[in-house]
C-alpha atoms as a PDB file:
ATOM      1  CA  MET A   1     -16.668 -36.447   0.547  1.00  0.00           C
ATOM      2  CA  MET A   2     -14.651 -37.707   3.686  1.00  0.00           C
ATOM      3  CA  HIS A   3     -12.707 -40.067   1.350  1.00  0.00           C
ATOM      4  CA  ALA A   4     -11.269 -36.985  -0.625  1.00  0.00           C
ATOM      5  CA  LEU A   5     -10.513 -35.321   2.187  1.00  0.00           C
ATOM      6  CA  THR A   6      -8.416 -37.758   3.518  1.00  0.00           C
ATOM      7  CA  GLN A   7      -6.247 -38.355   0.751  1.00  0.00           C
ATOM      8  CA  HIS A   8      -5.585 -34.430   0.757  1.00  0.00           C
ATOM      9  CA  LEU A   9      -4.269 -34.677   4.408  1.00  0.00           C
ATOM     10  CA  THR A  10      -2.115 -37.722   3.505  1.00  0.00           C
ATOM     11  CA  VAL A  11      -0.877 -35.690   0.480  1.00  0.00           C
ATOM     12  CA  LEU A  12       0.194 -32.757   2.726  1.00  0.00           C
ATOM     13  CA  ARG A  13       2.020 -34.550   5.412  1.00  0.00           C
ATOM     14  CA  THR A  14       3.719 -36.389   2.589  1.00  0.00           C
ATOM     15  CA  VAL A  15       4.575 -33.173   0.822  1.00  0.00           C
ATOM     16  CA  LEU A  16       5.574 -31.879   4.242  1.00  0.00           C
ATOM     17  CA  GLN A  17       7.996 -34.564   4.934  1.00  0.00           C
ATOM     18  CA  ARG A  18       9.299 -34.580   1.398  1.00  0.00           C
ATOM     19  CA  MET A  19      10.001 -30.758   2.040  1.00  0.00           C
ATOM     20  CA  PHE A  20      12.367 -31.257   5.087  1.00  0.00           C
ATOM     21  CA  ALA A  21      13.756 -34.701   4.458  1.00  0.00           C
ATOM     22  CA  SER A  22      16.957 -32.382   4.171  1.00  0.00           C
ATOM     23  CA  PRO A  23      15.971 -30.010   6.830  1.00  0.00           C
ATOM     24  CA  LEU A  24      18.988 -27.457   5.750  1.00  0.00           C
ATOM     25  CA  ALA A  25      17.778 -27.072   1.931  1.00  0.00           C
ATOM     26  CA  GLY A  26      13.881 -26.879   3.016  1.00  0.00           C
ATOM     27  CA  LEU A  27      14.807 -23.969   5.513  1.00  0.00           C
ATOM     28  CA  LEU A  28      17.590 -22.181   2.859  1.00  0.00           C
ATOM     29  CA  ASN A  29      14.599 -22.593   0.029  1.00  0.00           C
ATOM     30  CA  ILE A  30      11.886 -20.850   2.140  1.00  0.00           C
ATOM     31  CA  LEU A  31      14.512 -18.138   3.618  1.00  0.00           C
ATOM     32  CA  VAL A  32      15.256 -17.002  -0.263  1.00  0.00           C
ATOM     33  CA  ILE A  33      11.651 -16.681  -0.967  1.00  0.00           C
ATOM     34  CA  GLY A  34      10.717 -14.633   2.330  1.00  0.00           C
ATOM     35  CA  ILE A  35      14.092 -12.389   1.867  1.00  0.00           C
ATOM     36  CA  ALA A  36      12.944 -11.932  -1.791  1.00  0.00           C
ATOM     37  CA  LEU A  37       9.159 -11.069  -1.031  1.00  0.00           C
ATOM     38  CA  SER A  38      10.229  -9.255   2.160  1.00  0.00           C
ATOM     39  CA  LEU A  39      12.042  -6.341  -0.212  1.00  0.00           C
ATOM     40  CA  PRO A  40       9.057  -4.954  -1.754  1.00  0.00           C
ATOM     41  CA  ALA A  41       6.827  -5.381   0.950  1.00  0.00           C
ATOM     42  CA  GLY A  42       8.920  -3.806   3.020  1.00  0.00           C
ATOM     43  CA  MET A  43       9.378  -0.799   0.142  1.00  0.00           C
ATOM     44  CA  TYR A  44       5.613  -0.502  -0.084  1.00  0.00           C
ATOM     45  CA  THR A  45       5.156  -0.735   3.762  1.00  0.00           C
ATOM     46  CA  LEU A  46       7.514   2.405   4.152  1.00  0.00           C
ATOM     47  CA  LEU A  47       5.992   4.224   1.517  1.00  0.00           C
ATOM     48  CA  GLN A  48       2.734   3.959   2.635  1.00  0.00           C
ATOM     49  CA  ASN A  49       4.401   5.264   6.079  1.00  0.00           C
ATOM     50  CA  VAL A  50       6.210   7.916   4.463  1.00  0.00           C
ATOM     51  CA  GLN A  51       2.574   8.897   2.509  1.00  0.00           C
ATOM     52  CA  GLY A  52       1.293   9.394   5.887  1.00  0.00           C
ATOM     53  CA  LEU A  53       3.987  11.290   7.213  1.00  0.00           C
ATOM     54  CA  VAL A  54       4.515  13.727   4.477  1.00  0.00           C
ATOM     55  CA  ALA A  55       0.883  14.586   4.213  1.00  0.00           C
ATOM     56  CA  GLN A  56       1.293  15.544   8.206  1.00  0.00           C
ATOM     57  CA  LEU A  57       4.083  17.754   7.397  1.00  0.00           C
ATOM     58  CA  SER A  58       2.491  19.239   4.694  1.00  0.00           C
ATOM     59  CA  GLY A  59      -0.846  20.132   6.310  1.00  0.00           C
ATOM     60  CA  THR A  60      -4.367  19.716   5.333  1.00  0.00           C
ATOM     61  CA  PRO A  61      -5.032  21.086   2.098  1.00  0.00           C
ATOM     62  CA  GLN A  62      -7.295  24.314   2.259  1.00  0.00           C
ATOM     63  CA  VAL A  63      -9.542  25.956   0.034  1.00  0.00           C
ATOM     64  CA  SER A  64      -9.353  29.858   1.073  1.00  0.00           C
ATOM     65  CA  LEU A  65     -12.494  31.605  -0.681  1.00  0.00           C
ATOM     66  CA  PHE A  66     -12.608  35.544  -0.365  1.00  0.00           C
ATOM     67  CA  LEU A  67     -15.810  37.120  -0.197  1.00  0.00           C
ATOM     68  CA  ALA A  68     -16.869  40.338  -2.732  1.00  0.00           C
ATOM     69  CA  MET A  69     -16.782  42.994  -0.464  1.00  0.00           C
ATOM     70  CA  ASP A  70     -20.504  44.038  -0.922  1.00  0.00           C
ATOM     71  CA  ALA A  71     -21.466  39.801   0.468  1.00  0.00           C
ATOM     72  CA  LYS A  72     -24.298  40.707   3.076  1.00  0.00           C
ATOM     73  CA  ALA A  73     -25.225  38.391   6.195  1.00  0.00           C
ATOM     74  CA  ASP A  74     -28.063  36.779   4.172  1.00  0.00           C
ATOM     75  CA  ASP A  75     -25.402  35.362   1.557  1.00  0.00           C
ATOM     76  CA  ILE A  76     -23.004  34.604   3.666  1.00  0.00           C
ATOM     77  CA  GLU A  77     -25.243  32.557   5.688  1.00  0.00           C
ATOM     78  CA  ARG A  78     -26.619  31.140   2.383  1.00  0.00           C
ATOM     79  CA  LEU A  79     -23.001  30.367   1.058  1.00  0.00           C
ATOM     80  CA  ARG A  80     -22.374  28.573   4.463  1.00  0.00           C
ATOM     81  CA  LYS A  81     -25.318  26.037   4.078  1.00  0.00           C
ATOM     82  CA  GLN A  82     -23.733  25.488   0.371  1.00  0.00           C
ATOM     83  CA  LEU A  83     -20.503  24.594   1.884  1.00  0.00           C
ATOM     84  CA  ALA A  84     -21.239  22.616   4.842  1.00  0.00           C
ATOM     85  CA  GLN A  85     -23.690  19.987   2.430  1.00  0.00           C
ATOM     86  CA  HIS A  86     -20.990  19.492   0.017  1.00  0.00           C
ATOM     87  CA  PRO A  87     -20.284  16.074  -0.462  1.00  0.00           C
ATOM     88  CA  ALA A  88     -16.514  16.757  -1.302  1.00  0.00           C
ATOM     89  CA  ILE A  89     -16.000  19.473   1.599  1.00  0.00           C
ATOM     90  CA  GLU A  90     -14.965  18.023   5.279  1.00  0.00           C
ATOM     91  CA  ARG A  91     -15.999  21.054   7.041  1.00  0.00           C
ATOM     92  CA  ALA A  92     -16.091  24.919   5.918  1.00  0.00           C
ATOM     93  CA  GLU A  93     -14.516  27.580   8.949  1.00  0.00           C
ATOM     94  CA  PHE A  94     -15.858  31.451   8.486  1.00  0.00           C
ATOM     95  CA  VAL A  95     -13.477  34.149   9.033  1.00  0.00           C
ATOM     96  CA  THR A  96     -14.277  37.866   9.322  1.00  0.00           C
ATOM     97  CA  ARG A  97     -12.845  40.894   8.285  1.00  0.00           C
ATOM     98  CA  ALA A  98     -11.633  41.610  11.623  1.00  0.00           C
ATOM     99  CA  GLN A  99     -10.081  38.324  12.448  1.00  0.00           C
ATOM    100  CA  ALA A 100      -8.162  38.274   9.378  1.00  0.00           C
ATOM    101  CA  LEU A 101      -7.022  41.603  10.066  1.00  0.00           C
ATOM    102  CA  GLU A 102      -5.828  40.716  13.518  1.00  0.00           C
ATOM    103  CA  GLN A 103      -4.377  37.592  11.822  1.00  0.00           C
ATOM    104  CA  LEU A 104      -2.229  39.759   9.388  1.00  0.00           C
ATOM    105  CA  LYS A 105      -0.992  42.233  12.367  1.00  0.00           C
ATOM    106  CA  GLN A 106       0.098  39.014  14.489  1.00  0.00           C
ATOM    107  CA  SER A 107       1.850  37.059  11.673  1.00  0.00           C
ATOM    108  CA  THR A 108       3.860  40.081  10.163  1.00  0.00           C
ATOM    109  CA  GLY A 109       4.652  41.899  13.166  1.00  0.00           C
ATOM    110  CA  LEU A 110       3.471  44.860  11.395  1.00  0.00           C
ATOM    111  CA  ALA A 111       0.832  46.068  13.732  1.00  0.00           C
ATOM    112  CA  ASP A 112       1.515  49.701  13.641  1.00  0.00           C
ATOM    113  CA  VAL A 113       1.264  50.011   9.852  1.00  0.00           C
ATOM    114  CA  ILE A 114      -1.354  47.981   9.661  1.00  0.00           C
ATOM    115  CA  GLY A 115      -2.999  49.906  12.638  1.00  0.00           C
ATOM    116  CA  GLY A 116      -2.559  53.281  10.818  1.00  0.00           C
ATOM    117  CA  MET A 117      -4.979  52.887   8.289  1.00  0.00           C
ATOM    118  CA  ASN A 118      -8.399  54.125   7.515  1.00  0.00           C
ATOM    119  CA  GLN A 119     -10.598  50.999   6.715  1.00  0.00           C
ATOM    120  CA  ASN A 120      -9.802  47.531   6.717  1.00  0.00           C
ATOM    121  CA  PRO A 121      -9.050  46.372   3.195  1.00  0.00           C
ATOM    122  CA  LEU A 122      -9.540  42.492   3.380  1.00  0.00           C
ATOM    123  CA  PRO A 123     -12.917  40.811   2.989  1.00  0.00           C
ATOM    124  CA  ASP A 124     -14.472  38.224   4.812  1.00  0.00           C
ATOM    125  CA  ALA A 125     -13.528  34.831   3.923  1.00  0.00           C
ATOM    126  CA  PHE A 126     -14.328  30.993   4.294  1.00  0.00           C
ATOM    127  CA  VAL A 127     -11.664  28.314   4.410  1.00  0.00           C
ATOM    128  CA  VAL A 128     -12.692  25.288   3.294  1.00  0.00           C
ATOM    129  CA  TYR A 129     -11.068  21.685   4.291  1.00  0.00           C
ATOM    130  CA  PRO A 130     -11.667  19.232   1.553  1.00  0.00           C
ATOM    131  CA  LYS A 131     -12.053  15.704   2.320  1.00  0.00           C
ATOM    132  CA  GLN A 132      -9.564  14.737  -0.586  1.00  0.00           C
ATOM    133  CA  SER A 133      -5.740  15.433  -0.721  1.00  0.00           C
ATOM    134  CA  ASP A 134      -5.645  14.464  -4.283  1.00  0.00           C
ATOM    135  CA  ALA A 135      -4.433  17.246  -6.588  1.00  0.00           C
ATOM    136  CA  LEU A 136      -6.532  16.964  -9.096  1.00  0.00           C
ATOM    137  CA  ALA A 137      -9.650  16.667  -6.899  1.00  0.00           C
ATOM    138  CA  LEU A 138      -8.489  19.849  -5.245  1.00  0.00           C
ATOM    139  CA  ASP A 139      -8.130  21.829  -8.634  1.00  0.00           C
ATOM    140  CA  GLY A 140     -11.274  20.540  -9.592  1.00  0.00           C
ATOM    141  CA  LEU A 141     -13.322  21.733  -6.142  1.00  0.00           C
ATOM    142  CA  ARG A 142     -11.304  24.997  -6.581  1.00  0.00           C
ATOM    143  CA  ASP A 143     -12.901  25.801  -9.414  1.00  0.00           C
ATOM    144  CA  GLU A 144     -16.193  25.065  -8.634  1.00  0.00           C
ATOM    145  CA  LEU A 145     -15.738  26.920  -5.848  1.00  0.00           C
ATOM    146  CA  ALA A 146     -15.114  30.063  -7.087  1.00  0.00           C
ATOM    147  CA  LYS A 147     -18.381  30.051  -9.092  1.00  0.00           C
ATOM    148  CA  LEU A 148     -20.229  30.427  -6.192  1.00  0.00           C
ATOM    149  CA  PRO A 149     -22.555  33.487  -5.616  1.00  0.00           C
ATOM    150  CA  LYS A 150     -20.469  36.225  -4.032  1.00  0.00           C
ATOM    151  CA  VAL A 151     -17.058  34.386  -4.314  1.00  0.00           C
ATOM    152  CA  GLU A 152     -14.608  36.959  -5.309  1.00  0.00           C
ATOM    153  CA  GLN A 153     -12.052  34.484  -5.480  1.00  0.00           C
ATOM    154  CA  ALA A 154     -11.100  31.053  -4.903  1.00  0.00           C
ATOM    155  CA  GLN A 155      -6.770  30.085  -3.736  1.00  0.00           C
ATOM    156  CA  LEU A 156      -5.661  26.735  -3.414  1.00  0.00           C
ATOM    157  CA  ASP A 157      -1.796  26.003  -2.920  1.00  0.00           C
ATOM    158  CA  SER A 158      -1.656  22.810  -4.626  1.00  0.00           C
ATOM    159  CA  ALA A 159       2.130  22.869  -5.392  1.00  0.00           C
ATOM    160  CA  TRP A 160       2.459  20.314  -2.665  1.00  0.00           C
ATOM    161  CA  ALA A 161       0.159  18.140  -3.474  1.00  0.00           C
ATOM    162  CA  TYR A 162       1.473  17.929  -7.299  1.00  0.00           C
ATOM    163  CA  LYS A 163       4.787  17.162  -6.118  1.00  0.00           C
ATOM    164  CA  LEU A 164       3.624  14.638  -3.108  1.00  0.00           C
ATOM    165  CA  GLU A 165       1.855  12.530  -5.874  1.00  0.00           C
ATOM    166  CA  ALA A 166       4.487  12.524  -8.341  1.00  0.00           C
ATOM    167  CA  LEU A 167       6.831  11.229  -5.434  1.00  0.00           C
ATOM    168  CA  LEU A 168       4.257   8.407  -4.438  1.00  0.00           C
ATOM    169  CA  LYS A 169       3.717   7.540  -8.567  1.00  0.00           C
ATOM    170  CA  PHE A 170       7.373   6.765  -8.611  1.00  0.00           C
ATOM    171  CA  GLY A 171       7.576   4.784  -5.430  1.00  0.00           C
ATOM    172  CA  ARG A 172       4.691   2.745  -6.614  1.00  0.00           C
ATOM    173  CA  MET A 173       6.487   1.981  -9.888  1.00  0.00           C
ATOM    174  CA  ALA A 174       9.569   1.373  -8.281  1.00  0.00           C
ATOM    175  CA  VAL A 175       7.717  -1.563  -6.151  1.00  0.00           C
ATOM    176  CA  LEU A 176       5.571  -2.250  -8.842  1.00  0.00           C
ATOM    177  CA  ILE A 177       8.994  -3.100 -11.016  1.00  0.00           C
ATOM    178  CA  LEU A 178      11.136  -4.814  -8.389  1.00  0.00           C
ATOM    179  CA  ALA A 179       7.887  -6.867  -7.496  1.00  0.00           C
ATOM    180  CA  SER A 180       7.417  -8.340 -10.706  1.00  0.00           C
ATOM    181  CA  LEU A 181      11.298  -9.260 -11.150  1.00  0.00           C
ATOM    182  CA  LEU A 182      11.654 -11.091  -7.964  1.00  0.00           C
ATOM    183  CA  SER A 183       8.396 -12.736  -8.506  1.00  0.00           C
ATOM    184  CA  LEU A 184      10.106 -14.040 -11.748  1.00  0.00           C
ATOM    185  CA  ALA A 185      13.042 -15.208 -10.104  1.00  0.00           C
ATOM    186  CA  LEU A 186      10.596 -17.030  -7.571  1.00  0.00           C
ATOM    187  CA  ILE A 187       8.815 -18.830  -9.931  1.00  0.00           C
ATOM    188  CA  ALA A 188      12.121 -19.989 -11.422  1.00  0.00           C
ATOM    189  CA  VAL A 189      13.390 -21.164  -8.029  1.00  0.00           C
ATOM    190  CA  THR A 190       9.999 -23.328  -7.312  1.00  0.00           C
ATOM    191  CA  PHE A 191      10.259 -24.673 -11.208  1.00  0.00           C
ATOM    192  CA  ASN A 192      13.632 -25.579 -10.717  1.00  0.00           C
ATOM    193  CA  THR A 193      12.909 -27.500  -7.107  1.00  0.00           C
ATOM    194  CA  ILE A 194      10.213 -29.445  -8.520  1.00  0.00           C
ATOM    195  CA  ARG A 195      12.356 -30.334 -11.839  1.00  0.00           C
ATOM    196  CA  LEU A 196      15.089 -31.829  -9.588  1.00  0.00           C
ATOM    197  CA  GLN A 197      11.917 -33.516  -7.503  1.00  0.00           C
ATOM    198  CA  ILE A 198      10.320 -34.978 -10.722  1.00  0.00           C
ATOM    199  CA  LEU A 199      13.610 -36.129 -12.235  1.00  0.00           C
ATOM    200  CA  THR A 200      14.333 -38.013  -8.556  1.00  0.00           C
ATOM    201  CA  GLN A 201      11.127 -39.508  -8.591  1.00  0.00           C
ATOM    202  CA  ARG A 202      10.964 -40.511 -12.156  1.00  0.00           C
ATOM    203  CA  ASP A 203      10.772 -44.137 -11.500  1.00  0.00           C
ATOM    204  CA  GLU A 204       8.081 -43.846  -8.876  1.00  0.00           C
ATOM    205  CA  ILE A 205       6.018 -41.814 -11.708  1.00  0.00           C
ATOM    206  CA  GLU A 206       6.258 -44.123 -14.263  1.00  0.00           C
ATOM    207  CA  VAL A 207       5.284 -46.649 -12.092  1.00  0.00           C
ATOM    208  CA  ALA A 208       2.286 -45.201 -10.746  1.00  0.00           C
ATOM    209  CA  LYS A 209       1.475 -44.163 -14.399  1.00  0.00           C
ATOM    210  CA  LEU A 210       1.583 -47.766 -14.907  1.00  0.00           C
ATOM    211  CA  ILE A 211      -0.921 -49.181 -12.597  1.00  0.00           C
ATOM    212  CA  GLY A 212      -3.170 -46.178 -13.946  1.00  0.00           C
ATOM    213  CA  ALA A 213      -2.772 -43.058 -12.256  1.00  0.00           C
ATOM    214  CA  THR A 214      -3.870 -40.068 -13.687  1.00  0.00           C
ATOM    215  CA  ASN A 215      -1.861 -37.082 -14.735  1.00  0.00           C
ATOM    216  CA  GLY A 216      -3.904 -34.969 -11.958  1.00  0.00           C
ATOM    217  CA  PHE A 217      -3.565 -37.467  -9.241  1.00  0.00           C
ATOM    218  CA  ILE A 218       0.774 -37.450  -9.810  1.00  0.00           C
ATOM    219  CA  ARG A 219       0.578 -33.503 -10.489  1.00  0.00           C
ATOM    220  CA  ARG A 220      -1.466 -32.937  -6.902  1.00  0.00           C
ATOM    221  CA  PRO A 221       1.860 -33.512  -4.661  1.00  0.00           C
ATOM    222  CA  PHE A 222       4.295 -31.153  -6.629  1.00  0.00           C
ATOM    223  CA  LEU A 223       1.806 -28.486  -6.927  1.00  0.00           C
ATOM    224  CA  TYR A 224       0.981 -28.951  -2.980  1.00  0.00           C
ATOM    225  CA  PHE A 225       4.719 -28.359  -2.220  1.00  0.00           C
ATOM    226  CA  GLY A 226       4.932 -25.551  -4.639  1.00  0.00           C
ATOM    227  CA  ALA A 227       2.121 -23.865  -2.659  1.00  0.00           C
ATOM    228  CA  LEU A 228       2.951 -24.918   1.195  1.00  0.00           C
ATOM    229  CA  GLN A 229       6.749 -23.823  -0.036  1.00  0.00           C
ATOM    230  CA  GLY A 230       5.107 -20.641  -1.089  1.00  0.00           C
ATOM    231  CA  LEU A 231       2.818 -19.987   2.133  1.00  0.00           C
ATOM    232  CA  LEU A 232       6.060 -20.460   4.188  1.00  0.00           C
ATOM    233  CA  GLY A 233       8.099 -18.342   2.184  1.00  0.00           C
ATOM    234  CA  GLY A 234       5.012 -15.522   2.725  1.00  0.00           C
ATOM    235  CA  ILE A 235       5.294 -16.024   6.186  1.00  0.00           C
ATOM    236  CA  ALA A 236       8.956 -15.517   6.418  1.00  0.00           C
ATOM    237  CA  ALA A 237       8.365 -12.249   4.625  1.00  0.00           C
ATOM    238  CA  TRP A 238       6.064 -10.919   6.495  1.00  0.00           C
ATOM    239  CA  LEU A 239       8.003 -12.021   9.632  1.00  0.00           C
ATOM    240  CA  ILE A 240      11.027 -10.329   8.444  1.00  0.00           C
ATOM    241  CA  VAL A 241       9.103  -6.937   7.447  1.00  0.00           C
ATOM    242  CA  THR A 242       7.628  -7.130  11.045  1.00  0.00           C
ATOM    243  CA  ALA A 243      10.716  -7.198  12.930  1.00  0.00           C
ATOM    244  CA  SER A 244      12.466  -4.568  10.803  1.00  0.00           C
ATOM    245  CA  LEU A 245      10.064  -1.963  11.761  1.00  0.00           C
ATOM    246  CA  LEU A 246      10.088  -3.048  15.015  1.00  0.00           C
ATOM    247  CA  LEU A 247      13.777  -2.491  15.066  1.00  0.00           C
ATOM    248  CA  LEU A 248      13.361   0.731  13.004  1.00  0.00           C
ATOM    249  CA  ASN A 249      10.832   2.034  15.369  1.00  0.00           C
ATOM    250  CA  ARG A 250      13.288   1.605  18.150  1.00  0.00           C
ATOM    251  CA  GLN A 251      15.857   3.962  16.689  1.00  0.00           C
ATOM    252  CA  LEU A 252      12.889   6.611  15.154  1.00  0.00           C
ATOM    253  CA  GLY A 253      11.532   6.763  18.607  1.00  0.00           C
ATOM    254  CA  THR A 254      14.940   8.384  19.985  1.00  0.00           C
ATOM    255  CA  LEU A 255      14.617  10.410  16.850  1.00  0.00           C
ATOM    256  CA  ALA A 256      11.258  11.321  16.831  1.00  0.00           C
ATOM    257  CA  GLN A 257      11.957  12.745  20.710  1.00  0.00           C
ATOM    258  CA  LEU A 258      14.546  14.979  19.530  1.00  0.00           C
ATOM    259  CA  TYR A 259      11.694  16.627  16.546  1.00  0.00           C
ATOM    260  CA  ALA A 260       8.475  16.768  19.446  1.00  0.00           C
ATOM    261  CA  SER A 261       6.809  14.134  16.726  1.00  0.00           C
ATOM    262  CA  GLN A 262       5.329  10.972  18.169  1.00  0.00           C
ATOM    263  CA  PHE A 263       5.439   9.545  14.325  1.00  0.00           C
ATOM    264  CA  THR A 264       6.018   5.765  14.109  1.00  0.00           C
ATOM    265  CA  LEU A 265       6.363   3.160  11.403  1.00  0.00           C
ATOM    266  CA  HIS A 266       2.969   0.943  11.077  1.00  0.00           C
ATOM    267  CA  PRO A 267       2.881  -2.168  10.264  1.00  0.00           C
ATOM    268  CA  LEU A 268       1.461  -4.561   7.238  1.00  0.00           C
ATOM    269  CA  SER A 269      -2.128  -4.214   7.531  1.00  0.00           C
ATOM    270  CA  VAL A 270      -4.672  -7.429   8.179  1.00  0.00           C
ATOM    271  CA  GLY A 271      -5.374  -6.943   4.533  1.00  0.00           C
ATOM    272  CA  ASP A 272      -1.868  -6.641   3.047  1.00  0.00           C
ATOM    273  CA  SER A 273      -0.849  -9.133   5.092  1.00  0.00           C
ATOM    274  CA  LEU A 274      -3.291 -11.425   3.660  1.00  0.00           C
ATOM    275  CA  SER A 275      -2.652 -10.093   0.317  1.00  0.00           C
ATOM    276  CA  LEU A 276       1.430 -11.360   0.814  1.00  0.00           C
ATOM    277  CA  LEU A 277       0.267 -14.445   1.738  1.00  0.00           C
ATOM    278  CA  LEU A 278      -2.184 -15.405  -1.057  1.00  0.00           C
ATOM    279  CA  PHE A 279       0.563 -13.903  -3.633  1.00  0.00           C
ATOM    280  CA  SER A 280       3.270 -15.768  -2.282  1.00  0.00           C
ATOM    281  CA  VAL A 281       1.299 -19.318  -2.242  1.00  0.00           C
ATOM    282  CA  TYR A 282       0.015 -18.281  -6.238  1.00  0.00           C
ATOM    283  CA  LEU A 283       3.445 -17.544  -7.202  1.00  0.00           C
ATOM    284  CA  GLY A 284       4.627 -20.946  -5.591  1.00  0.00           C
ATOM    285  CA  TRP A 285       1.589 -23.078  -7.064  1.00  0.00           C
ATOM    286  CA  LEU A 286       2.287 -21.469 -10.410  1.00  0.00           C
ATOM    287  CA  GLY A 287       5.867 -22.492 -10.233  1.00  0.00           C
ATOM    288  CA  ALA A 288       5.114 -25.926  -9.380  1.00  0.00           C
ATOM    289  CA  TRP A 289       2.460 -26.094 -12.409  1.00  0.00           C
ATOM    290  CA  LEU A 290       4.821 -25.022 -14.901  1.00  0.00           C
ATOM    291  CA  SER A 291       7.513 -27.418 -14.221  1.00  0.00           C
ATOM    292  CA  VAL A 292       5.171 -30.281 -14.189  1.00  0.00           C
ATOM    293  CA  ALA A 293       3.229 -29.467 -16.883  1.00  0.00           C
ATOM    294  CA  ARG A 294       6.740 -29.104 -18.873  1.00  0.00           C
ATOM    295  CA  HIS A 295       8.390 -32.361 -17.309  1.00  0.00           C
ATOM    296  CA  LEU A 296       5.953 -34.640 -16.429  1.00  0.00           C
ATOM    297  CA  SER A 297       4.886 -34.875 -19.998  1.00  0.00           C
ATOM    298  CA  GLN A 298       8.184 -36.148 -20.732  1.00  0.00           C
ATOM    299  CA  ILE A 299       7.883 -39.179 -18.629  1.00  0.00           C
ATOM    300  CA  GLU A 300       6.351 -42.339 -19.711  1.00  0.00           C
ATOM    301  CA  PRO A 301       6.273 -45.471 -18.990  1.00  0.00           C
ATOM    302  CA  SER A 302       9.029 -47.592 -20.707  1.00  0.00           C
END
């Protein structure tokens, strides 16, 4: 076990020495990978922040349940319990007819006209706050609540939810396309880098094969090189995204104060950061594996 670990550490040390034998070239490769990965990662982070901002500006979705005019106190209490036990509902607020009429007076400025009416035409109502903001889920909840006893009408303004969902789907697709194209480019960069290394070390590989080295033994340093280069590129991408968000937050702070808001751009979460690093390692390893599989078989001792 210790012997195998020592071998891996030796290979890793050799790979690091080889990677930075030409420091400028090594740093440029890492920087290219970092910039390429930072573009989709940055777009993804901005998309996540914009989603939170738009949801905040749009307000919490609400379903208004207007009760029948003949609804009694027992009916209202029974409905209150049903709403409180519903798994898709965060909370429900009861608005009496008198409260609804008072709110109407304040919001419309027609207090004199409303005060001249002989009776209150507004029904009792429940304002329901769902746990989810998905447009389809909101529509389904509205239809379900509309069938409850003594509910005359269930109203939901879900147009903004559909618009937000369509915008986010478009943004996610754009990020996915960009990430896919840049991933292919990074695989190609690693592929070419490993190809040049194999050609440079052709004589060493031939000698190693003559003394009985297996393909796995010869392949290992190149795979380590690709994975390590990908990891360093992923770290560079994370640093670029984090630094960019810090700079943007400085400018955004002034803008937010003008609008009496405290909105800030949040960095990548721990899970997203780990995903970025693992993905970059995988891309580097894959590019190296493809290059080694393509070119190593062509080298045979003469």
